[in-house]
């Protein structure tokens, strides 16, 4: 399993509700449609009711079965056709603040879980 983690801040002119609405109802379905090698696509929104808030508004996880799946998604995003994702991101994300990195997940099993 390989993942890309993306930390994203919303555009300054949007509320968190507007940001989340666009992400969940427009951008996420678009990404799932154009990136067939995604195994899972998870958006983690910080709970504003608990603790100090981080600088980002969402931590997104893109899951792929293997390097080939990740590379196919990366190549699509860099292509002319892939500009559709970047154009939509510009509608609601502060793209200049994005931080992304690749991780390989390891799990520990717990009794009873």
PDB file of N, CA and C in Angstrom:
ATOM      1  N   UNK A   1       0.853  -1.175   0.000  1.00  0.00           N
ATOM      2  CA  UNK A   1       0.000   0.000   0.000  1.00  0.00           C
ATOM      3  C   UNK A   1       0.900   1.239   0.000  1.00  0.00           C
ATOM      4  N   UNK A   2       0.620   2.144  -0.889  1.00  0.00           N
ATOM      5  CA  UNK A   2       1.324   3.420  -0.941  1.00  0.00           C
ATOM      6  C   UNK A   2       0.275   4.528  -0.870  1.00  0.00           C
ATOM      7  N   UNK A   3       0.626   5.573  -0.145  1.00  0.00           N
ATOM      8  CA  UNK A   3      -0.308   6.695   0.008  1.00  0.00           C
ATOM      9  C   UNK A   3       0.395   8.011  -0.282  1.00  0.00           C
ATOM     10  N   UNK A   4      -0.374   8.932  -0.801  1.00  0.00           N
ATOM     11  CA  UNK A   4       0.047  10.326  -0.848  1.00  0.00           C
ATOM     12  C   UNK A   4      -0.793  11.052   0.186  1.00  0.00           C
ATOM     13  N   UNK A   5      -0.138  11.785   1.055  1.00  0.00           N
ATOM     14  CA  UNK A   5      -0.817  12.614   2.053  1.00  0.00           C
ATOM     15  C   UNK A   5      -0.696  14.052   1.586  1.00  0.00           C
ATOM     16  N   UNK A   6      -1.801  14.775   1.637  1.00  0.00           N
ATOM     17  CA  UNK A   6      -1.836  16.166   1.205  1.00  0.00           C
ATOM     18  C   UNK A   6      -2.455  17.007   2.309  1.00  0.00           C
ATOM     19  N   UNK A   7      -1.722  18.022   2.760  1.00  0.00           N
ATOM     20  CA  UNK A   7      -2.237  18.965   3.745  1.00  0.00           C
ATOM     21  C   UNK A   7      -2.672  20.212   2.982  1.00  0.00           C
ATOM     22  N   UNK A   8      -3.922  20.621   3.181  1.00  0.00           N
ATOM     23  CA  UNK A   8      -4.501  21.688   2.370  1.00  0.00           C
ATOM     24  C   UNK A   8      -5.204  22.721   3.244  1.00  0.00           C
ATOM     25  N   UNK A   9      -4.971  23.968   2.903  1.00  0.00           N
ATOM     26  CA  UNK A   9      -5.688  25.078   3.533  1.00  0.00           C
ATOM     27  C   UNK A   9      -6.690  25.617   2.506  1.00  0.00           C
ATOM     28  N   UNK A  10      -7.818  26.067   2.982  1.00  0.00           N
ATOM     29  CA  UNK A  10      -8.837  26.623   2.090  1.00  0.00           C
ATOM     30  C   UNK A  10      -8.427  28.014   1.610  1.00  0.00           C
ATOM     31  N   UNK A  11      -9.039  28.461   0.528  1.00  0.00           N
ATOM     32  CA  UNK A  11      -8.829  29.834   0.089  1.00  0.00           C
ATOM     33  C   UNK A  11      -9.340  30.765   1.180  1.00  0.00           C
ATOM     34  N   UNK A  12      -8.683  31.895   1.346  1.00  0.00           N
ATOM     35  CA  UNK A  12      -8.996  32.828   2.436  1.00  0.00           C
ATOM     36  C   UNK A  12     -10.407  33.407   2.339  1.00  0.00           C
ATOM     37  N   UNK A  13     -10.972  33.441   1.151  1.00  0.00           N
ATOM     38  CA  UNK A  13     -12.305  34.031   0.981  1.00  0.00           C
ATOM     39  C   UNK A  13     -13.439  33.027   1.210  1.00  0.00           C
ATOM     40  N   UNK A  14     -13.115  31.806   1.604  1.00  0.00           N
ATOM     41  CA  UNK A  14     -14.131  30.783   1.821  1.00  0.00           C
ATOM     42  C   UNK A  14     -14.230  30.397   3.286  1.00  0.00           C
ATOM     43  N   UNK A  15     -15.438  30.081   3.716  1.00  0.00           N
ATOM     44  CA  UNK A  15     -15.623  29.526   5.058  1.00  0.00           C
ATOM     45  C   UNK A  15     -15.245  28.050   5.018  1.00  0.00           C
ATOM     46  N   UNK A  16     -15.038  27.460   6.180  1.00  0.00           N
ATOM     47  CA  UNK A  16     -14.740  26.034   6.231  1.00  0.00           C
ATOM     48  C   UNK A  16     -15.907  25.235   5.663  1.00  0.00           C
ATOM     49  N   UNK A  17     -17.136  25.714   5.870  1.00  0.00           N
ATOM     50  CA  UNK A  17     -18.305  25.021   5.342  1.00  0.00           C
ATOM     51  C   UNK A  17     -18.325  25.064   3.808  1.00  0.00           C
ATOM     52  N   UNK A  18     -18.013  26.208   3.219  1.00  0.00           N
ATOM     53  CA  UNK A  18     -17.953  26.314   1.762  1.00  0.00           C
ATOM     54  C   UNK A  18     -16.847  25.426   1.197  1.00  0.00           C
ATOM     55  N   UNK A  19     -15.699  25.454   1.857  1.00  0.00           N
ATOM     56  CA  UNK A  19     -14.562  24.628   1.455  1.00  0.00           C
ATOM     57  C   UNK A  19     -14.941  23.152   1.471  1.00  0.00           C
ATOM     58  N   UNK A  20     -15.502  22.718   2.572  1.00  0.00           N
ATOM     59  CA  UNK A  20     -15.844  21.303   2.720  1.00  0.00           C
ATOM     60  C   UNK A  20     -16.937  20.889   1.733  1.00  0.00           C
ATOM     61  N   UNK A  21     -17.918  21.749   1.525  1.00  0.00           N
ATOM     62  CA  UNK A  21     -18.987  21.448   0.580  1.00  0.00           C
ATOM     63  C   UNK A  21     -18.430  21.243  -0.829  1.00  0.00           C
ATOM     64  N   UNK A  22     -17.544  22.142  -1.247  1.00  0.00           N
ATOM     65  CA  UNK A  22     -16.963  22.006  -2.582  1.00  0.00           C
ATOM     66  C   UNK A  22     -16.120  20.734  -2.668  1.00  0.00           C
ATOM     67  N   UNK A  23     -15.331  20.488  -1.644  1.00  0.00           N
ATOM     68  CA  UNK A  23     -14.467  19.309  -1.657  1.00  0.00           C
ATOM     69  C   UNK A  23     -15.291  18.024  -1.750  1.00  0.00           C
ATOM     70  N   UNK A  24     -16.281  17.910  -0.898  1.00  0.00           N
ATOM     71  CA  UNK A  24     -17.048  16.666  -0.816  1.00  0.00           C
ATOM     72  C   UNK A  24     -18.015  16.469  -1.986  1.00  0.00           C
ATOM     73  N   UNK A  25     -18.603  17.544  -2.485  1.00  0.00           N
ATOM     74  CA  UNK A  25     -19.664  17.410  -3.476  1.00  0.00           C
ATOM     75  C   UNK A  25     -19.244  17.669  -4.919  1.00  0.00           C
ATOM     76  N   UNK A  26     -18.057  18.247  -5.105  1.00  0.00           N
ATOM     77  CA  UNK A  26     -17.583  18.473  -6.459  1.00  0.00           C
ATOM     78  C   UNK A  26     -16.212  17.832  -6.703  1.00  0.00           C
ATOM     79  N   UNK A  27     -15.229  18.214  -5.882  1.00  0.00           N
ATOM     80  CA  UNK A  27     -13.859  17.800  -6.175  1.00  0.00           C
ATOM     81  C   UNK A  27     -13.624  16.302  -5.941  1.00  0.00           C
ATOM     82  N   UNK A  28     -14.050  15.778  -4.819  1.00  0.00           N
ATOM     83  CA  UNK A  28     -13.827  14.351  -4.539  1.00  0.00           C
ATOM     84  C   UNK A  28     -14.476  13.461  -5.601  1.00  0.00           C
ATOM     85  N   UNK A  29     -15.735  13.697  -5.981  1.00  0.00           N
ATOM     86  CA  UNK A  29     -16.308  12.867  -7.048  1.00  0.00           C
ATOM     87  C   UNK A  29     -15.551  13.003  -8.377  1.00  0.00           C
ATOM     88  N   UNK A  30     -15.068  14.210  -8.683  1.00  0.00           N
ATOM     89  CA  UNK A  30     -14.283  14.422  -9.894  1.00  0.00           C
ATOM     90  C   UNK A  30     -12.999  13.589  -9.845  1.00  0.00           C
ATOM     91  N   UNK A  31     -12.289  13.640  -8.728  1.00  0.00           N
ATOM     92  CA  UNK A  31     -11.035  12.904  -8.589  1.00  0.00           C
ATOM     93  C   UNK A  31     -11.266  11.402  -8.711  1.00  0.00           C
ATOM     94  N   UNK A  32     -12.296  10.896  -8.096  1.00  0.00           N
ATOM     95  CA  UNK A  32     -12.596   9.463  -8.180  1.00  0.00           C
ATOM     96  C   UNK A  32     -12.885   9.074  -9.631  1.00  0.00           C
ATOM     97  N   UNK A  33     -13.566   9.952 -10.349  1.00  0.00           N
ATOM     98  CA  UNK A  33     -13.907   9.678 -11.745  1.00  0.00           C
ATOM     99  C   UNK A  33     -12.674   9.639 -12.649  1.00  0.00           C
ATOM    100  N   UNK A  34     -11.747  10.576 -12.458  1.00  0.00           N
ATOM    101  CA  UNK A  34     -10.609  10.687 -13.382  1.00  0.00           C
ATOM    102  C   UNK A  34      -9.367   9.907 -12.941  1.00  0.00           C
ATOM    103  N   UNK A  35      -9.353   9.385 -11.718  1.00  0.00           N
ATOM    104  CA  UNK A  35      -8.195   8.640 -11.210  1.00  0.00           C
ATOM    105  C   UNK A  35      -8.597   7.196 -10.885  1.00  0.00           C
ATOM    106  N   UNK A  36      -8.691   6.341 -11.896  1.00  0.00           N
ATOM    107  CA  UNK A  36      -9.181   4.977 -11.666  1.00  0.00           C
ATOM    108  C   UNK A  36      -8.259   4.107 -10.820  1.00  0.00           C
ATOM    109  N   UNK A  37      -7.001   4.496 -10.612  1.00  0.00           N
ATOM    110  CA  UNK A  37      -6.102   3.656  -9.816  1.00  0.00           C
ATOM    111  C   UNK A  37      -6.193   3.950  -8.318  1.00  0.00           C
ATOM    112  N   UNK A  38      -7.045   4.902  -7.918  1.00  0.00           N
ATOM    113  CA  UNK A  38      -7.240   5.155  -6.485  1.00  0.00           C
ATOM    114  C   UNK A  38      -7.881   3.935  -5.838  1.00  0.00           C
ATOM    115  N   UNK A  39      -7.309   3.489  -4.748  1.00  0.00           N
ATOM    116  CA  UNK A  39      -7.928   2.397  -3.984  1.00  0.00           C
ATOM    117  C   UNK A  39      -8.859   2.976  -2.920  1.00  0.00           C
ATOM    118  N   UNK A  40      -8.453   4.116  -2.328  1.00  0.00           N
ATOM    119  CA  UNK A  40      -9.283   4.837  -1.360  1.00  0.00           C
ATOM    120  C   UNK A  40      -8.902   6.307  -1.423  1.00  0.00           C
ATOM    121  N   UNK A  41      -9.837   7.141  -1.043  1.00  0.00           N
ATOM    122  CA  UNK A  41      -9.647   8.594  -1.079  1.00  0.00           C
ATOM    123  C   UNK A  41     -10.308   9.136   0.179  1.00  0.00           C
ATOM    124  N   UNK A  42      -9.507   9.517   1.149  1.00  0.00           N
ATOM    125  CA  UNK A  42      -9.999   9.878   2.479  1.00  0.00           C
ATOM    126  C   UNK A  42      -9.696  11.337   2.769  1.00  0.00           C
ATOM    127  N   UNK A  43     -10.690  12.081   3.248  1.00  0.00           N
ATOM    128  CA  UNK A  43     -10.488  13.457   3.703  1.00  0.00           C
ATOM    129  C   UNK A  43     -10.676  13.487   5.212  1.00  0.00           C
ATOM    130  N   UNK A  44      -9.658  13.986   5.919  1.00  0.00           N
ATOM    131  CA  UNK A  44      -9.677  14.078   7.378  1.00  0.00           C
ATOM    132  C   UNK A  44      -9.760  15.554   7.757  1.00  0.00           C
ATOM    133  N   UNK A  45     -10.907  15.962   8.300  1.00  0.00           N
ATOM    134  CA  UNK A  45     -11.104  17.352   8.690  1.00  0.00           C
ATOM    135  C   UNK A  45     -10.842  17.493  10.185  1.00  0.00           C
ATOM    136  N   UNK A  46      -9.966  18.421  10.590  1.00  0.00           N
ATOM    137  CA  UNK A  46      -9.720  18.617  12.021  1.00  0.00           C
ATOM    138  C   UNK A  46     -11.016  18.959  12.750  1.00  0.00           C
ATOM    139  N   UNK A  47     -11.168  18.439  13.946  1.00  0.00           N
ATOM    140  CA  UNK A  47     -12.339  18.720  14.776  1.00  0.00           C
ATOM    141  C   UNK A  47     -12.118  20.045  15.480  1.00  0.00           C
ATOM    142  N   UNK A  48     -12.808  21.049  15.029  1.00  0.00           N
ATOM    143  CA  UNK A  48     -12.624  22.397  15.543  1.00  0.00           C
ATOM    144  C   UNK A  48     -13.114  22.562  16.983  1.00  0.00           C
ATOM    145  N   UNK A  49     -13.826  21.574  17.489  1.00  0.00           N
ATOM    146  CA  UNK A  49     -14.340  21.669  18.851  1.00  0.00           C
ATOM    147  C   UNK A  49     -13.352  21.149  19.889  1.00  0.00           C
ATOM    148  N   UNK A  50     -12.294  20.489  19.423  1.00  0.00           N
ATOM    149  CA  UNK A  50     -11.362  19.844  20.344  1.00  0.00           C
ATOM    150  C   UNK A  50      -9.940  20.321  20.053  1.00  0.00           C
ATOM    151  N   UNK A  51      -9.314  20.912  21.046  1.00  0.00           N
ATOM    152  CA  UNK A  51      -7.897  21.246  20.938  1.00  0.00           C
ATOM    153  C   UNK A  51      -7.559  22.387  19.994  1.00  0.00           C
ATOM    154  N   UNK A  52      -6.271  22.610  19.857  1.00  0.00           N
ATOM    155  CA  UNK A  52      -5.718  23.653  18.999  1.00  0.00           C
ATOM    156  C   UNK A  52      -5.853  23.257  17.532  1.00  0.00           C
ATOM    157  N   UNK A  53      -6.174  24.213  16.703  1.00  0.00           N
ATOM    158  CA  UNK A  53      -6.356  23.930  15.290  1.00  0.00           C
ATOM    159  C   UNK A  53      -5.021  23.996  14.545  1.00  0.00           C
ATOM    160  N   UNK A  54      -4.784  23.061  13.636  1.00  0.00           N
ATOM    161  CA  UNK A  54      -3.569  23.109  12.815  1.00  0.00           C
ATOM    162  C   UNK A  54      -3.700  24.195  11.747  1.00  0.00           C
ATOM    163  N   UNK A  55      -2.645  24.427  10.996  1.00  0.00           N
ATOM    164  CA  UNK A  55      -2.665  25.452   9.956  1.00  0.00           C
ATOM    165  C   UNK A  55      -3.458  25.023   8.729  1.00  0.00           C
ATOM    166  N   UNK A  56      -3.739  23.729   8.596  1.00  0.00           N
ATOM    167  CA  UNK A  56      -4.456  23.228   7.421  1.00  0.00           C
ATOM    168  C   UNK A  56      -5.908  22.927   7.767  1.00  0.00           C
ATOM    169  N   UNK A  57      -6.749  22.847   6.732  1.00  0.00           N
ATOM    170  CA  UNK A  57      -8.179  22.582   6.909  1.00  0.00           C
ATOM    171  C   UNK A  57      -8.575  21.142   6.614  1.00  0.00           C
ATOM    172  N   UNK A  58      -7.692  20.415   5.939  1.00  0.00           N
ATOM    173  CA  UNK A  58      -7.959  19.009   5.651  1.00  0.00           C
ATOM    174  C   UNK A  58      -6.630  18.284   5.421  1.00  0.00           C
ATOM    175  N   UNK A  59      -6.596  17.034   5.859  1.00  0.00           N
ATOM    176  CA  UNK A  59      -5.496  16.137   5.531  1.00  0.00           C
ATOM    177  C   UNK A  59      -6.108  15.056   4.648  1.00  0.00           C
ATOM    178  N   UNK A  60      -5.688  15.044   3.387  1.00  0.00           N
ATOM    179  CA  UNK A  60      -6.243  14.119   2.413  1.00  0.00           C
ATOM    180  C   UNK A  60      -5.292  12.946   2.211  1.00  0.00           C
ATOM    181  N   UNK A  61      -5.867  11.762   2.072  1.00  0.00           N
ATOM    182  CA  UNK A  61      -5.102  10.551   1.808  1.00  0.00           C
ATOM    183  C   UNK A  61      -5.552   9.957   0.482  1.00  0.00           C
ATOM    184  N   UNK A  62      -4.598   9.731  -0.413  1.00  0.00           N
ATOM    185  CA  UNK A  62      -4.837   9.026  -1.661  1.00  0.00           C
ATOM    186  C   UNK A  62      -4.159   7.666  -1.528  1.00  0.00           C
ATOM    187  N   UNK A  63      -4.914   6.586  -1.550  1.00  0.00           N
ATOM    188  CA  UNK A  63      -4.383   5.239  -1.365  1.00  0.00           C
ATOM    189  C   UNK A  63      -4.269   4.538  -2.714  1.00  0.00           C
ATOM    190  N   UNK A  64      -3.150   3.852  -2.910  1.00  0.00           N
ATOM    191  CA  UNK A  64      -2.906   3.089  -4.127  1.00  0.00           C
ATOM    192  C   UNK A  64      -2.400   1.708  -3.750  1.00  0.00           C
ATOM    193  N   UNK A  65      -2.724   0.715  -4.569  1.00  0.00           N
ATOM    194  CA  UNK A  65      -2.274  -0.651  -4.306  1.00  0.00           C
ATOM    195  C   UNK A  65      -0.761  -0.796  -4.439  1.00  0.00           C
ATOM    196  N   UNK A  66      -0.175  -0.030  -5.377  1.00  0.00           N
ATOM    197  CA  UNK A  66       1.248  -0.211  -5.649  1.00  0.00           C
ATOM    198  C   UNK A  66       1.825   1.043  -6.305  1.00  0.00           C
ATOM    199  N   UNK A  67       3.123   1.015  -6.537  1.00  0.00           N
ATOM    200  CA  UNK A  67       3.799   2.157  -7.160  1.00  0.00           C
ATOM    201  C   UNK A  67       3.236   2.472  -8.540  1.00  0.00           C
ATOM    202  N   UNK A  68       2.870   1.442  -9.295  1.00  0.00           N
ATOM    203  CA  UNK A  68       2.344   1.655 -10.647  1.00  0.00           C
ATOM    204  C   UNK A  68       1.037   2.453 -10.604  1.00  0.00           C
ATOM    205  N   UNK A  69       0.185   2.158  -9.647  1.00  0.00           N
ATOM    206  CA  UNK A  69      -1.065   2.909  -9.504  1.00  0.00           C
ATOM    207  C   UNK A  69      -0.822   4.355  -9.139  1.00  0.00           C
ATOM    208  N   UNK A  70       0.128   4.561  -8.220  1.00  0.00           N
ATOM    209  CA  UNK A  70       0.490   5.932  -7.831  1.00  0.00           C
ATOM    210  C   UNK A  70       1.080   6.685  -9.017  1.00  0.00           C
ATOM    211  N   UNK A  71       1.973   6.028  -9.755  1.00  0.00           N
ATOM    212  CA  UNK A  71       2.611   6.675 -10.901  1.00  0.00           C
ATOM    213  C   UNK A  71       1.596   7.033 -11.986  1.00  0.00           C
ATOM    214  N   UNK A  72       0.608   6.175 -12.211  1.00  0.00           N
ATOM    215  CA  UNK A  72      -0.432   6.469 -13.201  1.00  0.00           C
ATOM    216  C   UNK A  72      -1.225   7.708 -12.793  1.00  0.00           C
ATOM    217  N   UNK A  73      -1.564   7.817 -11.521  1.00  0.00           N
ATOM    218  CA  UNK A  73      -2.301   8.987 -11.040  1.00  0.00           C
ATOM    219  C   UNK A  73      -1.434  10.246 -11.131  1.00  0.00           C
ATOM    220  N   UNK A  74      -0.176  10.133 -10.760  1.00  0.00           N
ATOM    221  CA  UNK A  74       0.754  11.270 -10.848  1.00  0.00           C
ATOM    222  C   UNK A  74       0.908  11.734 -12.287  1.00  0.00           C
ATOM    223  N   UNK A  75       1.070  10.792 -13.201  1.00  0.00           N
ATOM    224  CA  UNK A  75       1.240  11.140 -14.611  1.00  0.00           C
ATOM    225  C   UNK A  75      -0.019  11.795 -15.171  1.00  0.00           C
ATOM    226  N   UNK A  76      -1.189  11.289 -14.770  1.00  0.00           N
ATOM    227  CA  UNK A  76      -2.429  11.908 -15.238  1.00  0.00           C
ATOM    228  C   UNK A  76      -2.526  13.341 -14.731  1.00  0.00           C
ATOM    229  N   UNK A  77      -2.252  13.546 -13.437  1.00  0.00           N
ATOM    230  CA  UNK A  77      -2.347  14.892 -12.855  1.00  0.00           C
ATOM    231  C   UNK A  77      -1.406  15.869 -13.547  1.00  0.00           C
ATOM    232  N   UNK A  78      -0.269  15.388 -14.054  1.00  0.00           N
ATOM    233  CA  UNK A  78       0.703  16.253 -14.732  1.00  0.00           C
ATOM    234  C   UNK A  78       0.389  16.449 -16.216  1.00  0.00           C
ATOM    235  N   UNK A  79      -0.590  15.723 -16.730  1.00  0.00           N
ATOM    236  CA  UNK A  79      -0.912  15.787 -18.154  1.00  0.00           C
ATOM    237  C   UNK A  79      -1.856  16.947 -18.465  1.00  0.00           C
ATOM    238  N   UNK A  80      -2.042  17.195 -19.750  1.00  0.00           N
ATOM    239  CA  UNK A  80      -2.986  18.230 -20.193  1.00  0.00           C
ATOM    240  C   UNK A  80      -4.394  17.915 -19.693  1.00  0.00           C
ATOM    241  N   UNK A  81      -4.806  16.649 -19.775  1.00  0.00           N
ATOM    242  CA  UNK A  81      -6.130  16.243 -19.297  1.00  0.00           C
ATOM    243  C   UNK A  81      -6.250  16.409 -17.785  1.00  0.00           C
ATOM    244  N   UNK A  82      -5.146  16.219 -17.096  1.00  0.00           N
ATOM    245  CA  UNK A  82      -5.148  16.315 -15.642  1.00  0.00           C
ATOM    246  C   UNK A  82      -5.313  17.725 -15.101  1.00  0.00           C
ATOM    247  N   UNK A  83      -5.192  18.720 -15.957  1.00  0.00           N
ATOM    248  CA  UNK A  83      -5.361  20.106 -15.514  1.00  0.00           C
ATOM    249  C   UNK A  83      -6.747  20.355 -14.943  1.00  0.00           C
ATOM    250  N   UNK A  84      -7.707  19.495 -15.275  1.00  0.00           N
ATOM    251  CA  UNK A  84      -9.049  19.651 -14.744  1.00  0.00           C
ATOM    252  C   UNK A  84      -9.043  19.613 -13.215  1.00  0.00           C
ATOM    253  N   UNK A  85      -8.161  18.789 -12.633  1.00  0.00           N
ATOM    254  CA  UNK A  85      -8.062  18.719 -11.169  1.00  0.00           C
ATOM    255  C   UNK A  85      -7.479  19.998 -10.590  1.00  0.00           C
ATOM    256  N   UNK A  86      -6.378  20.488 -11.168  1.00  0.00           N
ATOM    257  CA  UNK A  86      -5.741  21.714 -10.673  1.00  0.00           C
ATOM    258  C   UNK A  86      -6.668  22.914 -10.821  1.00  0.00           C
ATOM    259  N   UNK A  87      -7.399  22.972 -11.918  1.00  0.00           N
ATOM    260  CA  UNK A  87      -8.327  24.086 -12.125  1.00  0.00           C
ATOM    261  C   UNK A  87      -9.424  24.081 -11.073  1.00  0.00           C
ATOM    262  N   UNK A  88      -9.919  22.890 -10.742  1.00  0.00           N
ATOM    263  CA  UNK A  88     -10.949  22.826  -9.709  1.00  0.00           C
ATOM    264  C   UNK A  88     -10.369  23.135  -8.335  1.00  0.00           C
ATOM    265  N   UNK A  89      -9.161  22.656  -8.055  1.00  0.00           N
ATOM    266  CA  UNK A  89      -8.519  22.966  -6.769  1.00  0.00           C
ATOM    267  C   UNK A  89      -8.412  24.475  -6.564  1.00  0.00           C
ATOM    268  N   UNK A  90      -8.098  25.199  -7.615  1.00  0.00           N
ATOM    269  CA  UNK A  90      -7.942  26.650  -7.509  1.00  0.00           C
ATOM    270  C   UNK A  90      -9.247  27.346  -7.116  1.00  0.00           C
ATOM    271  N   UNK A  91     -10.375  26.681  -7.294  1.00  0.00           N
ATOM    272  CA  UNK A  91     -11.667  27.260  -6.929  1.00  0.00           C
ATOM    273  C   UNK A  91     -11.903  27.279  -5.420  1.00  0.00           C
ATOM    274  N   UNK A  92     -11.168  26.409  -4.680  1.00  0.00           N
ATOM    275  CA  UNK A  92     -11.468  26.342  -3.246  1.00  0.00           C
ATOM    276  C   UNK A  92     -10.255  26.104  -2.347  1.00  0.00           C
ATOM    277  N   UNK A  93      -9.114  25.757  -2.920  1.00  0.00           N
ATOM    278  CA  UNK A  93      -7.908  25.490  -2.132  1.00  0.00           C
ATOM    279  C   UNK A  93      -6.895  26.612  -2.281  1.00  0.00           C
ATOM    280  N   UNK A  94      -6.119  26.849  -1.213  1.00  0.00           N
ATOM    281  CA  UNK A  94      -4.942  27.707  -1.297  1.00  0.00           C
ATOM    282  C   UNK A  94      -3.801  26.812  -1.769  1.00  0.00           C
ATOM    283  N   UNK A  95      -3.653  26.693  -3.074  1.00  0.00           N
ATOM    284  CA  UNK A  95      -2.694  25.755  -3.650  1.00  0.00           C
ATOM    285  C   UNK A  95      -1.254  26.088  -3.265  1.00  0.00           C
ATOM    286  N   UNK A  96      -0.966  27.350  -2.979  1.00  0.00           N
ATOM    287  CA  UNK A  96       0.403  27.729  -2.621  1.00  0.00           C
ATOM    288  C   UNK A  96       0.818  27.173  -1.258  1.00  0.00           C
ATOM    289  N   UNK A  97      -0.142  26.797  -0.430  1.00  0.00           N
ATOM    290  CA  UNK A  97       0.179  26.292   0.912  1.00  0.00           C
ATOM    291  C   UNK A  97       0.205  24.769   0.983  1.00  0.00           C
ATOM    292  N   UNK A  98      -0.109  24.088  -0.104  1.00  0.00           N
ATOM    293  CA  UNK A  98      -0.184  22.620  -0.079  1.00  0.00           C
ATOM    294  C   UNK A  98       1.150  21.989   0.269  1.00  0.00           C
ATOM    295  N   UNK A  99       1.069  20.956   1.083  1.00  0.00           N
ATOM    296  CA  UNK A  99       2.229  20.134   1.412  1.00  0.00           C
ATOM    297  C   UNK A  99       1.830  18.694   1.133  1.00  0.00           C
ATOM    298  N   UNK A 100       2.651  17.987   0.369  1.00  0.00           N
ATOM    299  CA  UNK A 100       2.333  16.584   0.097  1.00  0.00           C
ATOM    300  C   UNK A 100       3.562  15.727   0.326  1.00  0.00           C
ATOM    301  N   UNK A 101       3.308  14.479   0.667  1.00  0.00           N
ATOM    302  CA  UNK A 101       4.391  13.526   0.863  1.00  0.00           C
ATOM    303  C   UNK A 101       3.849  12.114   0.671  1.00  0.00           C
ATOM    304  N   UNK A 102       4.764  11.201   0.385  1.00  0.00           N
ATOM    305  CA  UNK A 102       4.436   9.797   0.163  1.00  0.00           C
ATOM    306  C   UNK A 102       4.728   9.026   1.447  1.00  0.00           C
ATOM    307  N   UNK A 103       3.812   8.121   1.795  1.00  0.00           N
ATOM    308  CA  UNK A 103       4.023   7.264   2.963  1.00  0.00           C
ATOM    309  C   UNK A 103       3.715   5.821   2.587  1.00  0.00           C
ATOM    310  N   UNK A 104       4.317   4.909   3.310  1.00  0.00           N
ATOM    311  CA  UNK A 104       3.991   3.491   3.201  1.00  0.00           C
ATOM    312  C   UNK A 104       3.445   3.062   4.551  1.00  0.00           C
ATOM    313  N   UNK A 105       2.234   2.571   4.525  1.00  0.00           N
ATOM    314  CA  UNK A 105       1.522   2.273   5.753  1.00  0.00           C
ATOM    315  C   UNK A 105       1.966   0.943   6.355  1.00  0.00           C
ATOM    316  N   UNK A 106       2.153   0.943   7.650  1.00  0.00           N
ATOM    317  CA  UNK A 106       2.398  -0.259   8.427  1.00  0.00           C
ATOM    318  C   UNK A 106       1.317  -0.301   9.507  1.00  0.00           C
ATOM    319  N   UNK A 107       0.778  -1.460   9.770  1.00  0.00           N
ATOM    320  CA  UNK A 107      -0.273  -1.595  10.775  1.00  0.00           C
ATOM    321  C   UNK A 107       0.140  -2.581  11.837  1.00  0.00           C
ATOM    322  N   UNK A 108      -0.318  -2.336  13.026  1.00  0.00           N
ATOM    323  CA  UNK A 108      -0.166  -3.252  14.141  1.00  0.00           C
ATOM    324  C   UNK A 108      -1.549  -3.735  14.517  1.00  0.00           C
ATOM    325  N   UNK A 109      -1.747  -5.026  14.616  1.00  0.00           N
ATOM    326  CA  UNK A 109      -3.042  -5.583  15.006  1.00  0.00           C
ATOM    327  C   UNK A 109      -3.126  -5.635  16.523  1.00  0.00           C
ATOM    328  N   UNK A 110      -4.304  -5.362  17.028  1.00  0.00           N
ATOM    329  CA  UNK A 110      -4.552  -5.407  18.463  1.00  0.00           C
ATOM    330  C   UNK A 110      -5.583  -6.477  18.749  1.00  0.00           C
ATOM    331  N   UNK A 111      -5.410  -7.166  19.848  1.00  0.00           N
ATOM    332  CA  UNK A 111      -6.372  -8.213  20.241  1.00  0.00           C
ATOM    333  C   UNK A 111      -7.762  -7.590  20.386  1.00  0.00           C
ATOM    334  N   UNK A 112      -8.735  -8.247  19.814  1.00  0.00           N
ATOM    335  CA  UNK A 112     -10.102  -7.775  19.944  1.00  0.00           C
ATOM    336  C   UNK A 112     -10.485  -6.708  18.936  1.00  0.00           C
ATOM    337  N   UNK A 113      -9.554  -6.262  18.103  1.00  0.00           N
ATOM    338  CA  UNK A 113      -9.880  -5.202  17.136  1.00  0.00           C
ATOM    339  C   UNK A 113     -10.219  -5.768  15.792  1.00  0.00           C
TER     340      UNK A 113
END
